[in-house]
Amino acid sequence: MSNDMNKTNDVMLDIKNLVVEFKTEDETVQAINGIDLKINKGKTHGLVGETGAGKTTTALSILNLVPFPAEKPTAGTIELDGVHLYKTNEKGECVPALTEKDYQSIRGEKVAMIFQDPMTALNPIFTVGDQIAESVRLHQNVDQAKAMERAREMLELVGIPAKRADDYPHQFSGGMKQRVVIAMALACNPSLLIADEPTTALDVTIQAQVLEMMRGLRDKFGTSVLMITHDLGIIAEMCDEVSVMYAGRIVEYGNLEDIFDNTRHPYTQGLFNSLPNIEDRKAELKPIRGLMPNPADLPKGCAFCPRCDYAMEICKTVRPERKWLSETHCVECHLYDDGKDVSKL
């Protein structure tokens, strides 16, 4: 997503105006509220925000795994490496562009996901080798022996001895389980890897090792990555571009320099102010006041307005539109209406 638009043949993932609503008898939960997101081939895009911002729902939409009662996006289009996964029909409805069999073929082969908790991502009654080999057999049409050979190669690639393919998940530590999950995700060389909080359950030492390994594998295979996290440190270490998400909207987007050195949205500022100051250990943290709004009852104007120190009257009633501050940096905030560009918050 850039102001001059990326060339189509450079784009791995292209999401336009994605809307996901969960409708029940009592209410409509607005999980995603019209986001655009673009990832170029070989690049890593960070999606950062608080719990409940809509990050995982965005990822599940790509995989056609949005849970009931939504089951699929409500509006918008999703294109993966030139192939439409969802499109808008003549009635303005978002409809699947592929059959369920096609989606099953794409998962693992074209796009794979590292889920948030490695403890629950593996089946306890099958060996890790069998679980990796299953994905290989499904997508590459090879026999069991070839699939198991590939599984052992992948374990070696993530730093686990091949002989441990015969071990069960309970025989691995948390960090080793996460390596197994990464091996499984990369077994079929997917074009796009979605990593949903891949180091949340790990201690900082193992986290650093896993991130270093992921970076090496990404560079080796040229894989595009969507890195979902609430950790700005991981964003700084792993990503080329960043989308800051709040209440189902991308409120700020830019490259690392834009987001870290030229912060523009009050919410992004709040995320940085919530971090400890390593140069002044006694400095008080400045948490963002209040809580994320109820997605079934979002404010009429800017969703961040009730928590914002810079809120104006217009913020209460009018949702801000996207403003481009440079070729690589955009923000949704009324502080920048009429071409204004206030200094760094």
C-alpha atoms as a PDB file:
ATOM      1  CA  MET A   1       0.000   0.000   0.000  1.00  0.00           C
ATOM      2  CA  SER A   2       1.745   3.139  -1.170  1.00  0.00           C
ATOM      3  CA  ASN A   3       0.574   6.413  -2.641  1.00  0.00           C
ATOM      4  CA  ASP A   4       2.021   5.686  -6.075  1.00  0.00           C
ATOM      5  CA  MET A   5       0.672   2.122  -5.959  1.00  0.00           C
ATOM      6  CA  ASN A   6       2.862  -0.939  -6.400  1.00  0.00           C
ATOM      7  CA  LYS A   7       3.238  -2.669  -9.729  1.00  0.00           C
ATOM      8  CA  THR A   8       0.943  -5.677  -9.887  1.00  0.00           C
ATOM      9  CA  ASN A   9       3.726  -8.139 -10.654  1.00  0.00           C
ATOM     10  CA  ASP A  10       5.609  -7.028  -7.530  1.00  0.00           C
ATOM     11  CA  VAL A  11       2.643  -7.581  -5.221  1.00  0.00           C
ATOM     12  CA  MET A  12       2.156 -10.834  -3.297  1.00  0.00           C
ATOM     13  CA  LEU A  13      -0.922  -9.858  -1.271  1.00  0.00           C
ATOM     14  CA  ASP A  14      -3.423  -7.135  -2.142  1.00  0.00           C
ATOM     15  CA  ILE A  15      -6.357  -6.480   0.208  1.00  0.00           C
ATOM     16  CA  LYS A  16      -8.795  -3.707  -0.696  1.00  0.00           C
ATOM     17  CA  ASN A  17     -11.609  -2.308   1.459  1.00  0.00           C
ATOM     18  CA  LEU A  18     -11.908  -5.491   3.554  1.00  0.00           C
ATOM     19  CA  VAL A  19     -14.929  -5.586   5.861  1.00  0.00           C
ATOM     20  CA  VAL A  20     -15.726  -8.455   8.237  1.00  0.00           C
ATOM     21  CA  GLU A  21     -18.862  -8.375  10.394  1.00  0.00           C
ATOM     22  CA  PHE A  22     -20.083 -11.016  12.818  1.00  0.00           C
ATOM     23  CA  LYS A  23     -23.879 -10.804  12.886  1.00  0.00           C
ATOM     24  CA  THR A  24     -25.964 -12.361  15.644  1.00  0.00           C
ATOM     25  CA  GLU A  25     -29.614 -11.960  16.607  1.00  0.00           C
ATOM     26  CA  ASP A  26     -28.699  -9.254  19.111  1.00  0.00           C
ATOM     27  CA  GLU A  27     -25.865  -7.279  17.533  1.00  0.00           C
ATOM     28  CA  THR A  28     -23.405  -6.800  14.698  1.00  0.00           C
ATOM     29  CA  VAL A  29     -19.729  -6.987  15.644  1.00  0.00           C
ATOM     30  CA  GLN A  30     -17.637  -4.852  13.286  1.00  0.00           C
ATOM     31  CA  ALA A  31     -14.327  -6.714  13.363  1.00  0.00           C
ATOM     32  CA  ILE A  32     -12.730  -5.226  10.207  1.00  0.00           C
ATOM     33  CA  ASN A  33     -13.946  -1.867   8.904  1.00  0.00           C
ATOM     34  CA  GLY A  34     -12.568  -1.344   5.417  1.00  0.00           C
ATOM     35  CA  ILE A  35      -8.815  -1.897   5.417  1.00  0.00           C
ATOM     36  CA  ASP A  36      -6.312  -1.829   2.559  1.00  0.00           C
ATOM     37  CA  LEU A  37      -3.115  -3.829   2.888  1.00  0.00           C
ATOM     38  CA  LYS A  38      -0.461  -4.624   0.322  1.00  0.00           C
ATOM     39  CA  ILE A  39       2.650  -6.797   0.664  1.00  0.00           C
ATOM     40  CA  ASN A  40       5.341  -6.903  -2.009  1.00  0.00           C
ATOM     41  CA  LYS A  41       7.138 -10.105  -2.921  1.00  0.00           C
ATOM     42  CA  GLY A  42       9.982 -10.930  -0.561  1.00  0.00           C
ATOM     43  CA  LYS A  43       8.983  -8.212   1.935  1.00  0.00           C
ATOM     44  CA  THR A  44       7.857  -8.415   5.551  1.00  0.00           C
ATOM     45  CA  HIS A  45       4.847  -6.343   6.565  1.00  0.00           C
ATOM     46  CA  GLY A  46       4.107  -5.769  10.235  1.00  0.00           C
ATOM     47  CA  LEU A  47       0.522  -5.544  11.499  1.00  0.00           C
ATOM     48  CA  VAL A  48       0.609  -4.079  15.003  1.00  0.00           C
ATOM     49  CA  GLY A  49      -2.081  -3.142  17.501  1.00  0.00           C
ATOM     50  CA  GLU A  50      -3.755  -4.038  20.770  1.00  0.00           C
ATOM     51  CA  THR A  51      -5.622  -7.279  21.381  1.00  0.00           C
ATOM     52  CA  GLY A  52      -8.993  -7.042  19.659  1.00  0.00           C
ATOM     53  CA  ALA A  53      -7.846  -4.665  16.912  1.00  0.00           C
ATOM     54  CA  GLY A  54      -8.710  -7.186  14.174  1.00  0.00           C
ATOM     55  CA  LYS A  55      -5.237  -8.467  13.290  1.00  0.00           C
ATOM     56  CA  THR A  56      -5.982 -12.206  13.484  1.00  0.00           C
ATOM     57  CA  THR A  57      -9.356 -11.814  11.750  1.00  0.00           C
ATOM     58  CA  THR A  58      -7.501 -10.183   8.848  1.00  0.00           C
ATOM     59  CA  ALA A  59      -5.181 -13.208   8.643  1.00  0.00           C
ATOM     60  CA  LEU A  60      -8.046 -15.708   8.829  1.00  0.00           C
ATOM     61  CA  SER A  61      -9.818 -13.858   6.011  1.00  0.00           C
ATOM     62  CA  ILE A  62      -6.823 -14.493   3.746  1.00  0.00           C
ATOM     63  CA  LEU A  63      -6.958 -18.195   4.582  1.00  0.00           C
ATOM     64  CA  ASN A  64     -10.765 -18.412   4.152  1.00  0.00           C
ATOM     65  CA  LEU A  65     -11.007 -19.498   7.782  1.00  0.00           C
ATOM     66  CA  VAL A  66     -13.168 -16.701   9.202  1.00  0.00           C
ATOM     67  CA  PRO A  67     -15.220 -18.386  11.961  1.00  0.00           C
ATOM     68  CA  PHE A  68     -19.009 -18.562  12.241  1.00  0.00           C
ATOM     69  CA  PRO A  69     -21.199 -16.469  12.227  1.00  0.00           C
ATOM     70  CA  ALA A  70     -19.262 -14.335   9.698  1.00  0.00           C
ATOM     71  CA  GLU A  71     -17.810 -17.274   7.734  1.00  0.00           C
ATOM     72  CA  LYS A  72     -16.480 -14.935   5.041  1.00  0.00           C
ATOM     73  CA  PRO A  73     -15.660 -11.237   4.590  1.00  0.00           C
ATOM     74  CA  THR A  74     -18.674  -8.945   4.246  1.00  0.00           C
ATOM     75  CA  ALA A  75     -17.095  -6.682   1.622  1.00  0.00           C
ATOM     76  CA  GLY A  76     -13.852  -6.067  -0.224  1.00  0.00           C
ATOM     77  CA  THR A  77     -11.408  -8.041  -2.326  1.00  0.00           C
ATOM     78  CA  ILE A  78      -8.383 -10.206  -1.514  1.00  0.00           C
ATOM     79  CA  GLU A  79      -5.833 -11.104  -4.179  1.00  0.00           C
ATOM     80  CA  LEU A  80      -2.877 -13.454  -3.620  1.00  0.00           C
ATOM     81  CA  ASP A  81      -0.098 -13.435  -6.217  1.00  0.00           C
ATOM     82  CA  GLY A  82      -2.520 -12.334  -8.928  1.00  0.00           C
ATOM     83  CA  VAL A  83      -5.267 -14.827  -7.970  1.00  0.00           C
ATOM     84  CA  HIS A  84      -8.524 -13.505  -6.512  1.00  0.00           C
ATOM     85  CA  LEU A  85      -9.498 -15.232  -3.241  1.00  0.00           C
ATOM     86  CA  TYR A  86     -12.500 -12.955  -2.682  1.00  0.00           C
ATOM     87  CA  LYS A  87     -14.117 -10.521  -5.079  1.00  0.00           C
ATOM     88  CA  THR A  88     -17.076  -8.132  -5.120  1.00  0.00           C
ATOM     89  CA  ASN A  89     -19.977  -9.200  -7.335  1.00  0.00           C
ATOM     90  CA  GLU A  90     -22.389  -6.990  -9.287  1.00  0.00           C
ATOM     91  CA  LYS A  91     -24.584  -6.625  -6.183  1.00  0.00           C
ATOM     92  CA  GLY A  92     -21.670  -5.256  -4.189  1.00  0.00           C
ATOM     93  CA  GLU A  93     -21.401  -8.445  -2.122  1.00  0.00           C
ATOM     94  CA  CYS A  94     -18.111 -10.099  -1.199  1.00  0.00           C
ATOM     95  CA  VAL A  95     -18.086 -13.642  -2.562  1.00  0.00           C
ATOM     96  CA  PRO A  96     -15.466 -16.424  -2.630  1.00  0.00           C
ATOM     97  CA  ALA A  97     -13.671 -16.534  -5.974  1.00  0.00           C
ATOM     98  CA  LEU A  98     -12.563 -20.153  -5.532  1.00  0.00           C
ATOM     99  CA  THR A  99     -14.044 -23.460  -4.476  1.00  0.00           C
ATOM    100  CA  GLU A 100     -13.332 -24.900  -1.022  1.00  0.00           C
ATOM    101  CA  LYS A 101     -11.094 -27.517  -2.670  1.00  0.00           C
ATOM    102  CA  ASP A 102      -9.091 -24.700  -4.262  1.00  0.00           C
ATOM    103  CA  TYR A 103      -8.740 -22.950  -0.894  1.00  0.00           C
ATOM    104  CA  GLN A 104      -7.511 -26.174   0.692  1.00  0.00           C
ATOM    105  CA  SER A 105      -4.913 -26.470  -2.057  1.00  0.00           C
ATOM    106  CA  ILE A 106      -3.751 -22.882  -1.531  1.00  0.00           C
ATOM    107  CA  ARG A 107      -3.373 -23.267   2.246  1.00  0.00           C
ATOM    108  CA  GLY A 108       0.081 -24.614   2.907  1.00  0.00           C
ATOM    109  CA  GLU A 109       1.229 -24.409  -0.694  1.00  0.00           C
ATOM    110  CA  LYS A 110       0.711 -20.703  -1.487  1.00  0.00           C
ATOM    111  CA  VAL A 111       0.041 -19.315   1.985  1.00  0.00           C
ATOM    112  CA  ALA A 112       0.812 -20.819   5.393  1.00  0.00           C
ATOM    113  CA  MET A 113       0.257 -19.607   8.940  1.00  0.00           C
ATOM    114  CA  ILE A 114       2.223 -19.886  12.155  1.00  0.00           C
ATOM    115  CA  PHE A 115      -0.434 -19.780  14.827  1.00  0.00           C
ATOM    116  CA  GLN A 116      -0.124 -17.919  18.097  1.00  0.00           C
ATOM    117  CA  ASP A 117       0.319 -20.792  20.540  1.00  0.00           C
ATOM    118  CA  PRO A 118       2.696 -23.628  19.598  1.00  0.00           C
ATOM    119  CA  MET A 119       1.412 -25.619  22.579  1.00  0.00           C
ATOM    120  CA  THR A 120      -1.972 -26.110  20.909  1.00  0.00           C
ATOM    121  CA  ALA A 121      -0.934 -25.986  17.232  1.00  0.00           C
ATOM    122  CA  LEU A 122       0.380 -29.567  17.246  1.00  0.00           C
ATOM    123  CA  ASN A 123      -1.644 -32.771  17.564  1.00  0.00           C
ATOM    124  CA  PRO A 124      -0.393 -34.636  20.660  1.00  0.00           C
ATOM    125  CA  ILE A 125      -1.108 -38.137  19.295  1.00  0.00           C
ATOM    126  CA  PHE A 126       1.019 -37.916  16.134  1.00  0.00           C
ATOM    127  CA  THR A 127       4.787 -37.578  15.822  1.00  0.00           C
ATOM    128  CA  VAL A 128       6.067 -34.209  14.634  1.00  0.00           C
ATOM    129  CA  GLY A 129       7.490 -35.889  11.533  1.00  0.00           C
ATOM    130  CA  ASP A 130       4.083 -37.287  10.591  1.00  0.00           C
ATOM    131  CA  GLN A 131       2.469 -33.888  11.056  1.00  0.00           C
ATOM    132  CA  ILE A 132       4.963 -32.121   8.790  1.00  0.00           C
ATOM    133  CA  ALA A 133       4.847 -34.960   6.242  1.00  0.00           C
ATOM    134  CA  GLU A 134       1.047 -34.784   6.067  1.00  0.00           C
ATOM    135  CA  SER A 135       1.222 -31.267   4.629  1.00  0.00           C
ATOM    136  CA  VAL A 136       3.876 -32.334   2.118  1.00  0.00           C
ATOM    137  CA  ARG A 137       1.824 -35.336   0.959  1.00  0.00           C
ATOM    138  CA  LEU A 138      -1.292 -33.209   0.595  1.00  0.00           C
ATOM    139  CA  HIS A 139       0.266 -30.520  -1.595  1.00  0.00           C
ATOM    140  CA  GLN A 140       3.156 -32.174  -3.436  1.00  0.00           C
ATOM    141  CA  ASN A 141       1.631 -35.534  -4.378  1.00  0.00           C
ATOM    142  CA  VAL A 142       4.519 -37.644  -3.079  1.00  0.00           C
ATOM    143  CA  ASP A 143       4.561 -40.957  -1.216  1.00  0.00           C
ATOM    144  CA  GLN A 144       5.030 -41.346   2.531  1.00  0.00           C
ATOM    145  CA  ALA A 145       8.764 -42.009   2.297  1.00  0.00           C
ATOM    146  CA  LYS A 146       9.430 -38.855   0.261  1.00  0.00           C
ATOM    147  CA  ALA A 147       7.192 -36.784   2.519  1.00  0.00           C
ATOM    148  CA  MET A 148       8.987 -38.009   5.639  1.00  0.00           C
ATOM    149  CA  GLU A 149      12.342 -37.263   4.017  1.00  0.00           C
ATOM    150  CA  ARG A 150      11.160 -33.693   3.417  1.00  0.00           C
ATOM    151  CA  ALA A 151       9.932 -33.495   7.032  1.00  0.00           C
ATOM    152  CA  ARG A 152      13.382 -34.463   8.327  1.00  0.00           C
ATOM    153  CA  GLU A 153      15.005 -31.891   6.032  1.00  0.00           C
ATOM    154  CA  MET A 154      12.712 -29.181   7.394  1.00  0.00           C
ATOM    155  CA  LEU A 155      13.497 -30.112  11.000  1.00  0.00           C
ATOM    156  CA  GLU A 156      17.200 -29.824  10.248  1.00  0.00           C
ATOM    157  CA  LEU A 157      16.556 -26.465   8.606  1.00  0.00           C
ATOM    158  CA  VAL A 158      15.010 -25.070  11.818  1.00  0.00           C
ATOM    159  CA  GLY A 159      17.772 -26.479  14.020  1.00  0.00           C
ATOM    160  CA  ILE A 160      16.198 -29.749  15.197  1.00  0.00           C
ATOM    161  CA  PRO A 161      18.012 -33.078  14.590  1.00  0.00           C
ATOM    162  CA  ALA A 162      16.270 -35.137  11.893  1.00  0.00           C
ATOM    163  CA  LYS A 163      16.054 -38.165  14.193  1.00  0.00           C
ATOM    164  CA  ARG A 164      13.586 -36.267  16.361  1.00  0.00           C
ATOM    165  CA  ALA A 165      10.954 -36.611  13.629  1.00  0.00           C
ATOM    166  CA  ASP A 166       9.822 -39.725  15.513  1.00  0.00           C
ATOM    167  CA  ASP A 167       9.214 -37.799  18.739  1.00  0.00           C
ATOM    168  CA  TYR A 168       5.852 -36.505  19.965  1.00  0.00           C
ATOM    169  CA  PRO A 169       5.030 -32.851  20.759  1.00  0.00           C
ATOM    170  CA  HIS A 170       5.153 -33.398  24.537  1.00  0.00           C
ATOM    171  CA  GLN A 171       8.831 -34.308  24.199  1.00  0.00           C
ATOM    172  CA  PHE A 172       9.697 -30.795  22.996  1.00  0.00           C
ATOM    173  CA  SER A 173      10.100 -27.527  24.886  1.00  0.00           C
ATOM    174  CA  GLY A 174       8.013 -24.477  23.964  1.00  0.00           C
ATOM    175  CA  GLY A 175      10.744 -23.011  21.782  1.00  0.00           C
ATOM    176  CA  MET A 176      11.316 -26.325  20.005  1.00  0.00           C
ATOM    177  CA  LYS A 177       7.574 -26.720  19.401  1.00  0.00           C
ATOM    178  CA  GLN A 178       7.531 -23.304  17.771  1.00  0.00           C
ATOM    179  CA  ARG A 179      10.396 -24.409  15.518  1.00  0.00           C
ATOM    180  CA  VAL A 180       8.364 -27.475  14.553  1.00  0.00           C
ATOM    181  CA  VAL A 181       5.366 -25.276  13.728  1.00  0.00           C
ATOM    182  CA  ILE A 182       7.592 -23.057  11.566  1.00  0.00           C
ATOM    183  CA  ALA A 183       9.009 -26.131   9.822  1.00  0.00           C
ATOM    184  CA  MET A 184       5.469 -27.303   9.112  1.00  0.00           C
ATOM    185  CA  ALA A 185       4.456 -23.906   7.736  1.00  0.00           C
ATOM    186  CA  LEU A 186       7.487 -23.715   5.425  1.00  0.00           C
ATOM    187  CA  ALA A 187       7.494 -27.358   4.300  1.00  0.00           C
ATOM    188  CA  CYS A 188       5.864 -26.561   0.940  1.00  0.00           C
ATOM    189  CA  ASN A 189       7.749 -23.279   0.349  1.00  0.00           C
ATOM    190  CA  PRO A 190       4.669 -21.005   0.576  1.00  0.00           C
ATOM    191  CA  SER A 191       4.787 -17.672  -1.207  1.00  0.00           C
ATOM    192  CA  LEU A 192       3.228 -15.909   1.797  1.00  0.00           C
ATOM    193  CA  LEU A 193       3.865 -16.746   5.441  1.00  0.00           C
ATOM    194  CA  ILE A 194       1.496 -15.351   8.080  1.00  0.00           C
ATOM    195  CA  ALA A 195       3.084 -15.282  11.541  1.00  0.00           C
ATOM    196  CA  ASP A 196       0.488 -14.559  14.234  1.00  0.00           C
ATOM    197  CA  GLU A 197       2.306 -13.548  17.435  1.00  0.00           C
ATOM    198  CA  PRO A 198       4.898 -16.286  16.739  1.00  0.00           C
ATOM    199  CA  THR A 199       6.937 -15.675  19.917  1.00  0.00           C
ATOM    200  CA  THR A 200       4.260 -14.793  22.482  1.00  0.00           C
ATOM    201  CA  ALA A 201       4.638 -17.981  24.519  1.00  0.00           C
ATOM    202  CA  LEU A 202       8.449 -17.938  24.495  1.00  0.00           C
ATOM    203  CA  ASP A 203      11.001 -16.382  26.842  1.00  0.00           C
ATOM    204  CA  VAL A 204      13.129 -13.559  25.475  1.00  0.00           C
ATOM    205  CA  THR A 205      16.200 -15.707  24.764  1.00  0.00           C
ATOM    206  CA  ILE A 206      14.264 -18.279  22.741  1.00  0.00           C
ATOM    207  CA  GLN A 207      12.258 -15.481  21.123  1.00  0.00           C
ATOM    208  CA  ALA A 208      15.455 -13.955  19.748  1.00  0.00           C
ATOM    209  CA  GLN A 209      16.584 -17.322  18.389  1.00  0.00           C
ATOM    210  CA  VAL A 210      13.240 -17.986  16.685  1.00  0.00           C
ATOM    211  CA  LEU A 211      13.158 -14.527  15.093  1.00  0.00           C
ATOM    212  CA  GLU A 212      16.728 -14.913  13.842  1.00  0.00           C
ATOM    213  CA  MET A 213      15.811 -18.275  12.341  1.00  0.00           C
ATOM    214  CA  MET A 214      12.665 -16.876  10.689  1.00  0.00           C
ATOM    215  CA  ARG A 215      14.670 -14.014   9.197  1.00  0.00           C
ATOM    216  CA  GLY A 216      17.221 -16.441   7.768  1.00  0.00           C
ATOM    217  CA  LEU A 217      14.552 -18.691   6.265  1.00  0.00           C
ATOM    218  CA  ARG A 218      12.714 -15.686   4.816  1.00  0.00           C
ATOM    219  CA  ASP A 219      15.898 -14.482   3.121  1.00  0.00           C
ATOM    220  CA  LYS A 220      16.759 -17.966   1.880  1.00  0.00           C
ATOM    221  CA  PHE A 221      13.385 -18.673   0.263  1.00  0.00           C
ATOM    222  CA  GLY A 222      12.363 -15.104  -0.647  1.00  0.00           C
ATOM    223  CA  THR A 223       9.095 -15.559   1.213  1.00  0.00           C
ATOM    224  CA  SER A 224       6.713 -12.662   1.789  1.00  0.00           C
ATOM    225  CA  VAL A 225       5.704 -12.365   5.448  1.00  0.00           C
ATOM    226  CA  LEU A 226       2.753 -10.839   7.286  1.00  0.00           C
ATOM    227  CA  MET A 227       4.019 -10.419  10.870  1.00  0.00           C
ATOM    228  CA  ILE A 228       1.140  -9.950  13.326  1.00  0.00           C
ATOM    229  CA  THR A 229       2.230  -8.702  16.729  1.00  0.00           C
ATOM    230  CA  HIS A 230       1.724  -6.168  19.503  1.00  0.00           C
ATOM    231  CA  ASP A 231       5.489  -6.011  20.077  1.00  0.00           C
ATOM    232  CA  LEU A 232       7.119  -2.964  18.471  1.00  0.00           C
ATOM    233  CA  GLY A 233      10.557  -4.494  19.080  1.00  0.00           C
ATOM    234  CA  ILE A 234       9.718  -7.389  16.777  1.00  0.00           C
ATOM    235  CA  ILE A 235       8.409  -4.918  14.195  1.00  0.00           C
ATOM    236  CA  ALA A 236      11.694  -2.979  14.286  1.00  0.00           C
ATOM    237  CA  GLU A 237      13.747  -6.151  13.932  1.00  0.00           C
ATOM    238  CA  MET A 238      11.777  -7.995  11.262  1.00  0.00           C
ATOM    239  CA  CYS A 239       9.676  -5.675   9.104  1.00  0.00           C
ATOM    240  CA  ASP A 240      10.069  -3.473   6.044  1.00  0.00           C
ATOM    241  CA  GLU A 241       6.661  -1.784   6.338  1.00  0.00           C
ATOM    242  CA  VAL A 242       4.181  -1.347   9.179  1.00  0.00           C
ATOM    243  CA  SER A 243       0.405  -0.997   9.439  1.00  0.00           C
ATOM    244  CA  VAL A 244      -0.904   0.192  12.807  1.00  0.00           C
ATOM    245  CA  MET A 245      -4.388  -1.227  13.410  1.00  0.00           C
ATOM    246  CA  TYR A 246      -7.059   0.051  15.770  1.00  0.00           C
ATOM    247  CA  ALA A 247     -10.696  -1.060  16.052  1.00  0.00           C
ATOM    248  CA  GLY A 248     -10.662  -2.725  12.655  1.00  0.00           C
ATOM    249  CA  ARG A 249      -9.007   0.194  10.810  1.00  0.00           C
ATOM    250  CA  ILE A 250      -5.423   0.818   9.712  1.00  0.00           C
ATOM    251  CA  VAL A 251      -4.848   4.226  11.292  1.00  0.00           C
ATOM    252  CA  GLU A 252      -1.226   4.679  10.235  1.00  0.00           C
ATOM    253  CA  TYR A 253       0.970   3.051   7.617  1.00  0.00           C
ATOM    254  CA  GLY A 254       4.574   3.570   6.604  1.00  0.00           C
ATOM    255  CA  ASN A 255       8.083   2.167   6.474  1.00  0.00           C
ATOM    256  CA  LEU A 256      10.148   1.776   9.639  1.00  0.00           C
ATOM    257  CA  GLU A 257      11.489   5.313   9.478  1.00  0.00           C
ATOM    258  CA  ASP A 258       7.977   6.724   9.031  1.00  0.00           C
ATOM    259  CA  ILE A 259       6.533   4.860  11.996  1.00  0.00           C
ATOM    260  CA  PHE A 260       9.456   4.975  14.426  1.00  0.00           C
ATOM    261  CA  ASP A 261      11.004   8.365  13.620  1.00  0.00           C
ATOM    262  CA  ASN A 262       8.043  10.323  12.215  1.00  0.00           C
ATOM    263  CA  THR A 263       5.145   9.053  14.312  1.00  0.00           C
ATOM    264  CA  ARG A 264       1.941  10.840  13.333  1.00  0.00           C
ATOM    265  CA  HIS A 265      -1.159   9.148  14.762  1.00  0.00           C
ATOM    266  CA  PRO A 266      -1.954   9.699  18.468  1.00  0.00           C
ATOM    267  CA  TYR A 267      -2.585   5.953  18.858  1.00  0.00           C
ATOM    268  CA  THR A 268       0.848   5.077  17.463  1.00  0.00           C
ATOM    269  CA  GLN A 269       2.308   7.655  19.817  1.00  0.00           C
ATOM    270  CA  GLY A 270       0.465   5.979  22.686  1.00  0.00           C
ATOM    271  CA  LEU A 271       1.940   2.594  21.793  1.00  0.00           C
ATOM    272  CA  PHE A 272       5.467   4.018  21.935  1.00  0.00           C
ATOM    273  CA  ASN A 273       4.783   5.901  25.181  1.00  0.00           C
ATOM    274  CA  SER A 274       3.645   2.646  26.787  1.00  0.00           C
ATOM    275  CA  LEU A 275       7.126   1.144  26.374  1.00  0.00           C
ATOM    276  CA  PRO A 276       9.710   1.264  29.178  1.00  0.00           C
ATOM    277  CA  ASN A 277      12.470   3.862  28.766  1.00  0.00           C
ATOM    278  CA  ILE A 278      15.756   1.936  28.894  1.00  0.00           C
ATOM    279  CA  GLU A 279      17.714   5.170  29.283  1.00  0.00           C
ATOM    280  CA  ASP A 280      15.684   6.239  32.328  1.00  0.00           C
ATOM    281  CA  ARG A 281      14.657   3.205  34.370  1.00  0.00           C
ATOM    282  CA  LYS A 282      12.771   5.415  36.857  1.00  0.00           C
ATOM    283  CA  ALA A 283      10.619   7.079  34.226  1.00  0.00           C
ATOM    284  CA  GLU A 284       6.906   6.291  34.579  1.00  0.00           C
ATOM    285  CA  LEU A 285       5.106   4.449  31.824  1.00  0.00           C
ATOM    286  CA  LYS A 286       2.384   6.388  30.011  1.00  0.00           C
ATOM    287  CA  PRO A 287      -0.305   3.839  29.178  1.00  0.00           C
ATOM    288  CA  ILE A 288      -3.099   4.757  26.767  1.00  0.00           C
ATOM    289  CA  ARG A 289      -6.057   5.681  28.929  1.00  0.00           C
ATOM    290  CA  GLY A 290      -9.292   3.755  28.615  1.00  0.00           C
ATOM    291  CA  LEU A 291      -9.987   0.577  26.671  1.00  0.00           C
ATOM    292  CA  MET A 292     -10.510  -0.480  23.074  1.00  0.00           C
ATOM    293  CA  PRO A 293     -14.147   0.300  22.110  1.00  0.00           C
ATOM    294  CA  ASN A 294     -16.762  -2.434  21.883  1.00  0.00           C
ATOM    295  CA  PRO A 295     -16.694  -3.547  18.216  1.00  0.00           C
ATOM    296  CA  ALA A 296     -20.477  -3.976  18.411  1.00  0.00           C
ATOM    297  CA  ASP A 297     -20.860  -0.317  19.436  1.00  0.00           C
ATOM    298  CA  LEU A 298     -18.124   1.729  17.781  1.00  0.00           C
ATOM    299  CA  PRO A 299     -18.076   5.524  18.119  1.00  0.00           C
ATOM    300  CA  LYS A 300     -19.699   7.377  15.216  1.00  0.00           C
ATOM    301  CA  GLY A 301     -16.558   9.320  14.318  1.00  0.00           C
ATOM    302  CA  CYS A 302     -12.973   8.314  15.051  1.00  0.00           C
ATOM    303  CA  ALA A 303     -12.856   5.099  17.072  1.00  0.00           C
ATOM    304  CA  PHE A 304      -9.838   6.373  19.017  1.00  0.00           C
ATOM    305  CA  CYS A 305     -11.529   9.667  19.937  1.00  0.00           C
ATOM    306  CA  PRO A 306     -12.587   8.692  23.522  1.00  0.00           C
ATOM    307  CA  ARG A 307      -8.953   7.868  24.394  1.00  0.00           C
ATOM    308  CA  CYS A 308      -7.187  10.611  22.425  1.00  0.00           C
ATOM    309  CA  ASP A 309      -5.443  13.588  24.053  1.00  0.00           C
ATOM    310  CA  TYR A 310      -5.796  15.581  20.818  1.00  0.00           C
ATOM    311  CA  ALA A 311      -9.506  14.907  20.162  1.00  0.00           C
ATOM    312  CA  MET A 312     -11.519  17.705  18.552  1.00  0.00           C
ATOM    313  CA  GLU A 313     -15.249  18.166  18.103  1.00  0.00           C
ATOM    314  CA  ILE A 314     -15.135  16.799  14.548  1.00  0.00           C
ATOM    315  CA  CYS A 315     -13.551  13.574  15.824  1.00  0.00           C
ATOM    316  CA  LYS A 316     -16.782  12.680  17.648  1.00  0.00           C
ATOM    317  CA  THR A 317     -18.968  12.620  14.556  1.00  0.00           C
ATOM    318  CA  VAL A 318     -16.832  12.220  11.400  1.00  0.00           C
ATOM    319  CA  ARG A 319     -14.539   9.296  10.692  1.00  0.00           C
ATOM    320  CA  PRO A 320     -11.210  10.617   9.379  1.00  0.00           C
ATOM    321  CA  GLU A 321     -10.164   9.705   5.855  1.00  0.00           C
ATOM    322  CA  ARG A 322      -6.729   8.548   4.785  1.00  0.00           C
ATOM    323  CA  LYS A 323      -4.213  11.328   4.234  1.00  0.00           C
ATOM    324  CA  TRP A 324      -0.896  10.729   2.508  1.00  0.00           C
ATOM    325  CA  LEU A 325       1.943  12.621   4.172  1.00  0.00           C
ATOM    326  CA  SER A 326       4.556  11.270   1.759  1.00  0.00           C
ATOM    327  CA  GLU A 327       4.896   8.578  -0.899  1.00  0.00           C
ATOM    328  CA  THR A 328       5.266   5.949   1.824  1.00  0.00           C
ATOM    329  CA  HIS A 329       3.426   7.348   4.839  1.00  0.00           C
ATOM    330  CA  CYS A 330      -0.310   7.774   5.463  1.00  0.00           C
ATOM    331  CA  VAL A 331      -2.519   8.414   8.487  1.00  0.00           C
ATOM    332  CA  GLU A 332      -6.215   8.540   9.367  1.00  0.00           C
ATOM    333  CA  CYS A 333      -6.532  11.514  11.704  1.00  0.00           C
ATOM    334  CA  HIS A 334      -8.312  14.890  11.621  1.00  0.00           C
ATOM    335  CA  LEU A 335      -5.115  16.591  12.805  1.00  0.00           C
ATOM    336  CA  TYR A 336      -4.016  16.399   9.158  1.00  0.00           C
ATOM    337  CA  ASP A 337      -7.170  17.691   7.481  1.00  0.00           C
ATOM    338  CA  ASP A 338      -6.769  20.314   4.731  1.00  0.00           C
ATOM    339  CA  GLY A 339      -3.225  19.246   4.016  1.00  0.00           C
ATOM    340  CA  LYS A 340      -1.965  20.153   7.472  1.00  0.00           C
ATOM    341  CA  ASP A 341       1.067  18.237   8.724  1.00  0.00           C
ATOM    342  CA  VAL A 342       1.602  19.002  12.374  1.00  0.00           C
ATOM    343  CA  SER A 343       4.984  18.284  13.906  1.00  0.00           C
ATOM    344  CA  LYS A 344       5.714  14.935  15.494  1.00  0.00           C
ATOM    345  CA  LEU A 345       3.336  14.301  18.381  1.00  0.00           C
END
